Amino acid sequence: MSDTDDTQSERSVEETKKRKRGVRNDKNYKRNVIKRCRVQGKVYANYKENAVYARKLGDGFRCPIKCFEKLNDDIKDALFTPFCALNTKEDQDIYLQGLLEVVNIK
């Protein structure tokens, strides 16, 4: 066995051990796992252990001028794939703010 195998096995043992007092492991908390999956649009089980399915693009939205229908599937995927890949709601909000354009009222 090499040294790298030893260190990898030690890391896996450390990750599975019960935490010591005062050391937090926030990323494995149930609420944080659910929050992360919800933001990324992945399948997860909610607090009541009900399955919540992955987010997918629908056929259209309630836009009265049918903006979403004017875009082809490639453009829709190019817009929504980076959005769903962002890890936090704050990052998603910043991404959307970058896409908006301010126009003066006539």
N, C-alpha and C. Protein backbone atom coordinates (compact mmCIF):
# COMPACT_ATOMS: atom_id res chain seq x y z
N MET A 1 0.83 -1.17 0.00
CA MET A 1 0.00 0.00 0.00
C MET A 1 0.88 1.24 0.00
N SER A 2 0.54 2.21 -0.81
CA SER A 2 1.34 3.42 -0.89
C SER A 2 0.86 4.44 0.12
N ASP A 3 1.62 5.53 0.21
CA ASP A 3 1.28 6.58 1.17
C ASP A 3 -0.04 7.27 0.79
N THR A 4 -0.29 7.42 -0.52
CA THR A 4 -1.52 8.10 -0.92
C THR A 4 -2.75 7.26 -0.57
N ASP A 5 -2.64 5.94 -0.66
CA ASP A 5 -3.76 5.08 -0.28
C ASP A 5 -4.04 5.20 1.21
N ASP A 6 -2.97 5.29 2.01
CA ASP A 6 -3.13 5.43 3.45
C ASP A 6 -3.84 6.74 3.81
N THR A 7 -3.41 7.84 3.16
CA THR A 7 -4.03 9.13 3.48
C THR A 7 -5.48 9.18 3.01
N GLN A 8 -5.77 8.55 1.87
CA GLN A 8 -7.15 8.54 1.39
C GLN A 8 -8.04 7.72 2.32
N SER A 9 -7.53 6.59 2.81
CA SER A 9 -8.34 5.78 3.72
C SER A 9 -8.53 6.49 5.05
N GLU A 10 -7.51 7.24 5.51
CA GLU A 10 -7.64 8.00 6.75
C GLU A 10 -8.68 9.10 6.58
N ARG A 11 -8.69 9.77 5.41
CA ARG A 11 -9.67 10.83 5.16
C ARG A 11 -11.09 10.27 5.15
N SER A 12 -11.26 9.10 4.53
CA SER A 12 -12.61 8.53 4.47
C SER A 12 -13.07 8.12 5.86
N VAL A 13 -12.15 7.66 6.71
CA VAL A 13 -12.51 7.29 8.08
C VAL A 13 -12.87 8.55 8.86
N GLU A 14 -12.11 9.64 8.65
CA GLU A 14 -12.39 10.89 9.35
C GLU A 14 -13.74 11.46 8.93
N GLU A 15 -14.11 11.32 7.66
CA GLU A 15 -15.38 11.87 7.19
C GLU A 15 -16.56 11.10 7.75
N THR A 16 -16.39 9.79 8.00
CA THR A 16 -17.50 8.99 8.50
C THR A 16 -17.60 9.00 10.01
N LYS A 17 -16.57 9.47 10.71
CA LYS A 17 -16.61 9.52 12.16
C LYS A 17 -17.64 10.52 12.63
N LYS A 18 -18.11 10.30 13.83
CA LYS A 18 -19.02 11.25 14.45
C LYS A 18 -18.23 12.51 14.77
N ARG A 19 -18.87 13.63 14.62
CA ARG A 19 -18.14 14.89 14.81
C ARG A 19 -17.75 15.10 16.26
N LYS A 20 -16.66 15.82 16.43
CA LYS A 20 -16.22 16.17 17.77
C LYS A 20 -16.96 17.42 18.21
N ARG A 21 -17.04 17.60 19.47
CA ARG A 21 -17.74 18.76 20.00
C ARG A 21 -17.03 20.03 19.53
N GLY A 22 -17.82 20.95 18.99
CA GLY A 22 -17.27 22.22 18.54
C GLY A 22 -16.87 22.23 17.08
N VAL A 23 -16.89 21.09 16.40
CA VAL A 23 -16.55 21.04 14.99
C VAL A 23 -17.84 20.82 14.22
N ARG A 24 -18.17 21.76 13.35
CA ARG A 24 -19.42 21.67 12.61
C ARG A 24 -19.17 21.12 11.22
N ASN A 25 -20.14 20.39 10.73
CA ASN A 25 -20.10 19.88 9.37
C ASN A 25 -21.39 20.30 8.68
N ASP A 26 -21.49 21.60 8.37
CA ASP A 26 -22.72 22.20 7.86
C ASP A 26 -23.20 21.60 6.54
N LYS A 27 -22.29 21.22 5.68
CA LYS A 27 -22.72 20.78 4.35
C LYS A 27 -23.48 19.45 4.38
N ASN A 28 -23.37 18.69 5.46
CA ASN A 28 -24.09 17.43 5.55
C ASN A 28 -25.38 17.51 6.36
N TYR A 29 -25.71 18.70 6.87
CA TYR A 29 -26.96 18.87 7.59
C TYR A 29 -28.11 18.69 6.61
N LYS A 30 -29.17 18.06 7.07
CA LYS A 30 -30.31 17.74 6.21
C LYS A 30 -30.89 19.01 5.57
N ARG A 31 -31.04 20.07 6.35
CA ARG A 31 -31.63 21.30 5.81
C ARG A 31 -30.75 21.91 4.72
N ASN A 32 -29.43 21.79 4.87
CA ASN A 32 -28.53 22.34 3.86
C ASN A 32 -28.50 21.49 2.61
N VAL A 33 -28.61 20.17 2.75
CA VAL A 33 -28.66 19.28 1.59
C VAL A 33 -29.93 19.55 0.80
N ILE A 34 -31.05 19.70 1.50
CA ILE A 34 -32.32 19.99 0.83
C ILE A 34 -32.26 21.35 0.12
N LYS A 35 -31.71 22.34 0.81
CA LYS A 35 -31.61 23.68 0.23
C LYS A 35 -30.75 23.68 -1.02
N ARG A 36 -29.62 22.98 -0.97
CA ARG A 36 -28.70 22.92 -2.11
C ARG A 36 -29.35 22.22 -3.30
N CYS A 37 -30.06 21.12 -3.05
CA CYS A 37 -30.73 20.39 -4.13
C CYS A 37 -31.86 21.21 -4.73
N ARG A 38 -32.60 21.94 -3.90
CA ARG A 38 -33.70 22.75 -4.40
C ARG A 38 -33.18 23.85 -5.31
N VAL A 39 -32.09 24.52 -4.90
CA VAL A 39 -31.53 25.60 -5.70
C VAL A 39 -30.97 25.08 -7.02
N GLN A 40 -30.34 23.92 -7.01
CA GLN A 40 -29.75 23.37 -8.23
C GLN A 40 -30.76 22.62 -9.08
N GLY A 41 -31.97 22.44 -8.60
CA GLY A 41 -33.01 21.80 -9.39
C GLY A 41 -32.88 20.29 -9.46
N LYS A 42 -32.29 19.67 -8.46
CA LYS A 42 -32.09 18.23 -8.44
C LYS A 42 -33.21 17.53 -7.68
N VAL A 43 -33.28 16.22 -7.82
CA VAL A 43 -34.25 15.41 -7.07
C VAL A 43 -33.81 15.34 -5.62
N TYR A 44 -34.76 15.47 -4.69
CA TYR A 44 -34.43 15.35 -3.27
C TYR A 44 -35.67 14.92 -2.50
N ALA A 45 -35.47 14.53 -1.26
CA ALA A 45 -36.58 14.20 -0.36
C ALA A 45 -36.74 15.36 0.61
N ASN A 46 -37.95 15.91 0.71
CA ASN A 46 -38.16 17.06 1.58
C ASN A 46 -38.21 16.63 3.04
N TYR A 47 -38.56 17.55 3.92
CA TYR A 47 -38.55 17.27 5.36
C TYR A 47 -39.52 16.18 5.77
N LYS A 48 -40.60 16.03 5.02
CA LYS A 48 -41.58 14.98 5.30
C LYS A 48 -41.24 13.69 4.57
N GLU A 49 -40.05 13.62 3.99
CA GLU A 49 -39.56 12.45 3.25
C GLU A 49 -40.36 12.18 1.98
N ASN A 50 -41.04 13.20 1.44
CA ASN A 50 -41.72 13.08 0.16
C ASN A 50 -40.74 13.42 -0.95
N ALA A 51 -40.79 12.68 -2.04
CA ALA A 51 -39.88 12.93 -3.16
C ALA A 51 -40.30 14.20 -3.90
N VAL A 52 -39.31 15.04 -4.18
CA VAL A 52 -39.52 16.24 -4.98
C VAL A 52 -38.70 16.04 -6.25
N TYR A 53 -39.36 16.15 -7.38
CA TYR A 53 -38.70 15.83 -8.64
C TYR A 53 -37.83 16.97 -9.13
N ALA A 54 -36.94 16.65 -10.04
CA ALA A 54 -36.01 17.63 -10.58
C ALA A 54 -36.75 18.69 -11.38
N ARG A 55 -36.17 19.87 -11.43
CA ARG A 55 -36.75 20.97 -12.18
C ARG A 55 -36.54 20.72 -13.67
N LYS A 56 -37.56 21.04 -14.46
CA LYS A 56 -37.42 20.91 -15.91
C LYS A 56 -38.14 22.09 -16.56
N LEU A 57 -37.76 22.40 -17.78
CA LEU A 57 -38.36 23.51 -18.50
C LEU A 57 -39.74 23.12 -18.98
N GLY A 58 -40.66 24.04 -18.83
CA GLY A 58 -42.02 23.80 -19.30
C GLY A 58 -42.20 24.29 -20.73
N ASP A 59 -43.40 24.15 -21.23
CA ASP A 59 -43.69 24.58 -22.59
C ASP A 59 -43.80 26.09 -22.70
N GLY A 60 -44.35 26.72 -21.73
CA GLY A 60 -44.50 28.17 -21.80
C GLY A 60 -44.82 28.74 -20.46
N PHE A 61 -44.82 30.07 -20.41
CA PHE A 61 -45.13 30.76 -19.18
C PHE A 61 -46.33 31.65 -19.41
N ARG A 62 -46.66 32.46 -18.47
CA ARG A 62 -47.85 33.30 -18.54
C ARG A 62 -47.58 34.67 -19.18
N CYS A 63 -46.57 34.78 -19.96
CA CYS A 63 -46.24 36.04 -20.61
C CYS A 63 -47.29 36.35 -21.69
N PRO A 64 -47.91 37.52 -21.64
CA PRO A 64 -48.96 37.82 -22.62
C PRO A 64 -48.43 38.00 -24.04
N ILE A 65 -47.15 38.33 -24.20
CA ILE A 65 -46.61 38.51 -25.56
C ILE A 65 -45.82 37.29 -26.02
N LYS A 66 -45.92 36.18 -25.28
CA LYS A 66 -45.35 34.88 -25.67
C LYS A 66 -43.85 34.95 -25.97
N CYS A 67 -43.09 35.56 -25.07
CA CYS A 67 -41.65 35.71 -25.24
C CYS A 67 -40.94 34.35 -25.30
N PHE A 68 -41.36 33.43 -24.46
CA PHE A 68 -40.67 32.15 -24.34
C PHE A 68 -40.84 31.30 -25.60
N GLU A 69 -41.93 31.48 -26.31
CA GLU A 69 -42.17 30.70 -27.53
C GLU A 69 -41.29 31.16 -28.68
N LYS A 70 -40.76 32.37 -28.61
CA LYS A 70 -39.90 32.91 -29.68
C LYS A 70 -38.50 32.32 -29.65
N LEU A 71 -38.13 31.69 -28.53
CA LEU A 71 -36.79 31.13 -28.39
C LEU A 71 -36.80 29.65 -28.77
N ASN A 72 -35.73 29.21 -29.44
CA ASN A 72 -35.63 27.78 -29.74
C ASN A 72 -35.02 27.04 -28.54
N ASP A 73 -35.02 25.73 -28.59
CA ASP A 73 -34.59 24.91 -27.45
C ASP A 73 -33.12 25.12 -27.10
N ASP A 74 -32.27 25.36 -28.10
CA ASP A 74 -30.84 25.56 -27.83
C ASP A 74 -30.61 26.81 -26.99
N ILE A 75 -31.32 27.87 -27.31
CA ILE A 75 -31.16 29.12 -26.57
C ILE A 75 -31.71 28.96 -25.15
N LYS A 76 -32.83 28.26 -25.01
CA LYS A 76 -33.40 28.02 -23.68
C LYS A 76 -32.41 27.24 -22.81
N ASP A 77 -31.81 26.21 -23.38
CA ASP A 77 -30.82 25.42 -22.63
C ASP A 77 -29.60 26.26 -22.27
N ALA A 78 -29.17 27.12 -23.19
CA ALA A 78 -28.01 27.98 -22.94
C ALA A 78 -28.30 28.97 -21.81
N LEU A 79 -29.55 29.38 -21.66
CA LEU A 79 -29.91 30.32 -20.59
C LEU A 79 -30.08 29.63 -19.24
N PHE A 80 -30.75 28.48 -19.24
CA PHE A 80 -31.11 27.86 -17.98
C PHE A 80 -30.07 26.90 -17.42
N THR A 81 -29.19 26.34 -18.25
CA THR A 81 -28.16 25.43 -17.74
C THR A 81 -27.19 26.11 -16.78
N PRO A 82 -26.61 27.27 -17.15
CA PRO A 82 -25.73 27.94 -16.17
C PRO A 82 -26.49 28.41 -14.94
N PHE A 83 -27.74 28.77 -15.10
CA PHE A 83 -28.55 29.22 -13.97
C PHE A 83 -28.73 28.09 -12.96
N CYS A 84 -29.06 26.91 -13.43
CA CYS A 84 -29.28 25.77 -12.53
C CYS A 84 -27.98 25.24 -11.93
N ALA A 85 -26.86 25.53 -12.57
CA ALA A 85 -25.57 25.05 -12.07
C ALA A 85 -25.04 25.89 -10.90
N LEU A 86 -25.62 27.06 -10.68
CA LEU A 86 -25.17 27.91 -9.58
C LEU A 86 -25.56 27.30 -8.24
N ASN A 87 -24.69 27.47 -7.25
CA ASN A 87 -24.85 26.76 -5.98
C ASN A 87 -25.77 27.41 -4.98
N THR A 88 -25.92 28.72 -5.04
CA THR A 88 -26.75 29.39 -4.03
C THR A 88 -27.80 30.27 -4.70
N LYS A 89 -28.83 30.58 -3.95
CA LYS A 89 -29.88 31.47 -4.44
C LYS A 89 -29.32 32.85 -4.71
N GLU A 90 -28.38 33.29 -3.90
CA GLU A 90 -27.77 34.60 -4.09
C GLU A 90 -27.01 34.66 -5.42
N ASP A 91 -26.28 33.59 -5.76
CA ASP A 91 -25.57 33.54 -7.03
C ASP A 91 -26.55 33.56 -8.20
N GLN A 92 -27.69 32.89 -8.05
CA GLN A 92 -28.71 32.90 -9.10
C GLN A 92 -29.29 34.30 -9.28
N ASP A 93 -29.51 35.02 -8.18
CA ASP A 93 -30.03 36.38 -8.26
C ASP A 93 -29.04 37.30 -8.97
N ILE A 94 -27.76 37.15 -8.67
CA ILE A 94 -26.73 37.96 -9.31
C ILE A 94 -26.66 37.66 -10.80
N TYR A 95 -26.78 36.39 -11.17
CA TYR A 95 -26.79 35.99 -12.58
C TYR A 95 -27.96 36.64 -13.31
N LEU A 96 -29.14 36.62 -12.71
CA LEU A 96 -30.31 37.23 -13.34
C LEU A 96 -30.17 38.74 -13.44
N GLN A 97 -29.58 39.37 -12.45
CA GLN A 97 -29.38 40.82 -12.50
C GLN A 97 -28.44 41.20 -13.62
N GLY A 98 -27.46 40.33 -13.92
CA GLY A 98 -26.54 40.59 -15.02
C GLY A 98 -27.21 40.48 -16.38
N LEU A 99 -28.29 39.72 -16.47
CA LEU A 99 -29.00 39.56 -17.73
C LEU A 99 -29.98 40.70 -18.01
N LEU A 100 -30.39 41.41 -16.95
CA LEU A 100 -31.37 42.50 -17.11
C LEU A 100 -30.71 43.73 -17.69
N GLU A 101 -31.49 44.45 -18.45
CA GLU A 101 -31.01 45.67 -19.06
C GLU A 101 -31.96 46.81 -18.67
N VAL A 102 -31.41 47.92 -18.21
CA VAL A 102 -32.21 49.05 -17.78
C VAL A 102 -32.55 49.89 -19.01
N VAL A 103 -33.83 50.18 -19.16
CA VAL A 103 -34.30 50.98 -20.29
C VAL A 103 -35.08 52.16 -19.73
N ASN A 104 -34.80 53.35 -20.24
CA ASN A 104 -35.50 54.54 -19.80
C ASN A 104 -36.95 54.51 -20.28
N ILE A 105 -37.83 55.06 -19.48
CA ILE A 105 -39.25 55.15 -19.84
C ILE A 105 -39.43 56.29 -20.82
N LYS A 106 -40.20 56.04 -21.85
CA LYS A 106 -40.42 57.08 -22.87
C LYS A 106 -41.56 57.99 -22.50
